[in-house]
């Protein structure tokens, strides 16, 4: 109902390394227009963006420098605050 600051951060699960893992996030508005982007080659992105009320979609992608997609190093969690 009012403008807010969206904060989304990624973090690998404890005990797993993020070294060599590139992860990124792209935020789209309801029309599909990109409104924000964040990425990091260290495996942890931090997206902070001021938003107007509405619906948004967050796309998170990643690639590991070593291992397959089934590797536990590719697992992460997202922390969201607004």
Protein backbone atom coordinates (compact mmCIF):
# COMPACT_ATOMS: atom_id res chain seq x y z
CA UNK A 1 0.00 0.00 0.00
CA UNK A 2 3.02 2.29 0.32
CA UNK A 3 6.54 2.58 -1.04
CA UNK A 4 9.13 0.45 0.72
CA UNK A 5 12.72 -0.67 0.47
CA UNK A 6 13.12 -4.31 -0.50
CA UNK A 7 16.24 -6.10 0.76
CA UNK A 8 17.10 -9.59 -0.51
CA UNK A 9 20.36 -11.32 0.37
CA UNK A 10 21.58 -14.81 -0.47
CA UNK A 11 23.62 -17.06 1.78
CA UNK A 12 24.95 -20.58 1.42
CA UNK A 13 23.94 -23.12 4.01
CA UNK A 14 26.37 -23.45 6.93
CA UNK A 15 29.15 -25.91 6.23
CA UNK A 16 29.14 -25.36 2.46
CA UNK A 17 31.55 -23.10 0.64
CA UNK A 18 30.46 -20.33 -1.69
CA UNK A 19 33.93 -19.94 -3.23
CA UNK A 20 33.69 -20.09 -7.02
CA UNK A 21 29.89 -19.91 -7.05
CA UNK A 22 28.45 -17.02 -9.05
CA UNK A 23 24.92 -16.10 -8.03
CA UNK A 24 22.71 -13.30 -9.28
CA UNK A 25 19.21 -11.94 -8.85
CA UNK A 26 17.04 -9.88 -11.18
CA UNK A 27 13.86 -8.18 -10.01
CA UNK A 28 11.06 -7.55 -12.53
CA UNK A 29 7.92 -5.47 -12.23
CA UNK A 30 4.46 -6.74 -13.24
CA UNK A 31 5.07 -5.80 -16.90
CA UNK A 32 8.29 -7.83 -17.04
CA UNK A 33 10.56 -4.79 -17.00
CA UNK A 34 13.82 -5.26 -15.07
CA UNK A 35 13.92 -2.85 -12.11
CA UNK A 36 16.95 -4.09 -10.13
CA UNK A 37 19.85 -6.51 -10.36
CA UNK A 38 22.55 -7.81 -8.02
CA UNK A 39 25.27 -10.42 -8.42
CA UNK A 40 28.46 -11.67 -6.86
CA UNK A 41 31.24 -14.06 -7.89
CA UNK A 42 31.68 -14.89 -4.18
CA UNK A 43 28.30 -16.60 -3.94
CA UNK A 44 26.41 -13.98 -1.93
CA UNK A 45 24.35 -11.22 -3.54
CA UNK A 46 22.73 -8.31 -1.75
CA UNK A 47 19.87 -6.57 -3.56
CA UNK A 48 18.47 -3.36 -2.05
CA UNK A 49 15.91 -1.35 -4.00
CA UNK A 50 13.19 1.22 -3.29
CA UNK A 51 9.86 -0.04 -4.67
CA UNK A 52 6.41 1.36 -5.24
CA UNK A 53 3.40 -0.80 -4.29
CA UNK A 54 2.75 -3.62 -6.75
CA UNK A 55 3.63 -7.15 -7.79
CA UNK A 56 7.24 -8.11 -8.53
CA UNK A 57 9.04 -11.27 -9.58
CA UNK A 58 12.55 -12.22 -8.41
CA UNK A 59 14.65 -14.51 -10.61
CA UNK A 60 17.71 -16.09 -8.97
CA UNK A 61 20.33 -17.90 -11.03
CA UNK A 62 23.69 -19.36 -10.19
CA UNK A 63 26.60 -21.30 -11.48
CA UNK A 64 29.17 -23.30 -9.58
CA UNK A 65 32.82 -23.19 -10.55
CA UNK A 66 33.15 -26.82 -9.59
CA UNK A 67 30.60 -29.57 -9.31
CA UNK A 68 27.27 -30.34 -10.84
CA UNK A 69 23.89 -28.76 -10.25
CA UNK A 70 23.12 -31.56 -7.80
CA UNK A 71 26.13 -30.59 -5.69
CA UNK A 72 25.27 -29.32 -2.19
CA UNK A 73 27.52 -26.29 -2.80
CA UNK A 74 24.74 -24.97 -5.08
CA UNK A 75 22.22 -24.74 -2.25
CA UNK A 76 21.46 -21.38 -0.71
CA UNK A 77 18.83 -19.55 1.25
CA UNK A 78 17.32 -16.12 0.71
CA UNK A 79 16.78 -13.53 3.41
CA UNK A 80 14.06 -10.99 2.62
CA UNK A 81 13.14 -7.80 4.46
CA UNK A 82 10.90 -4.88 3.50
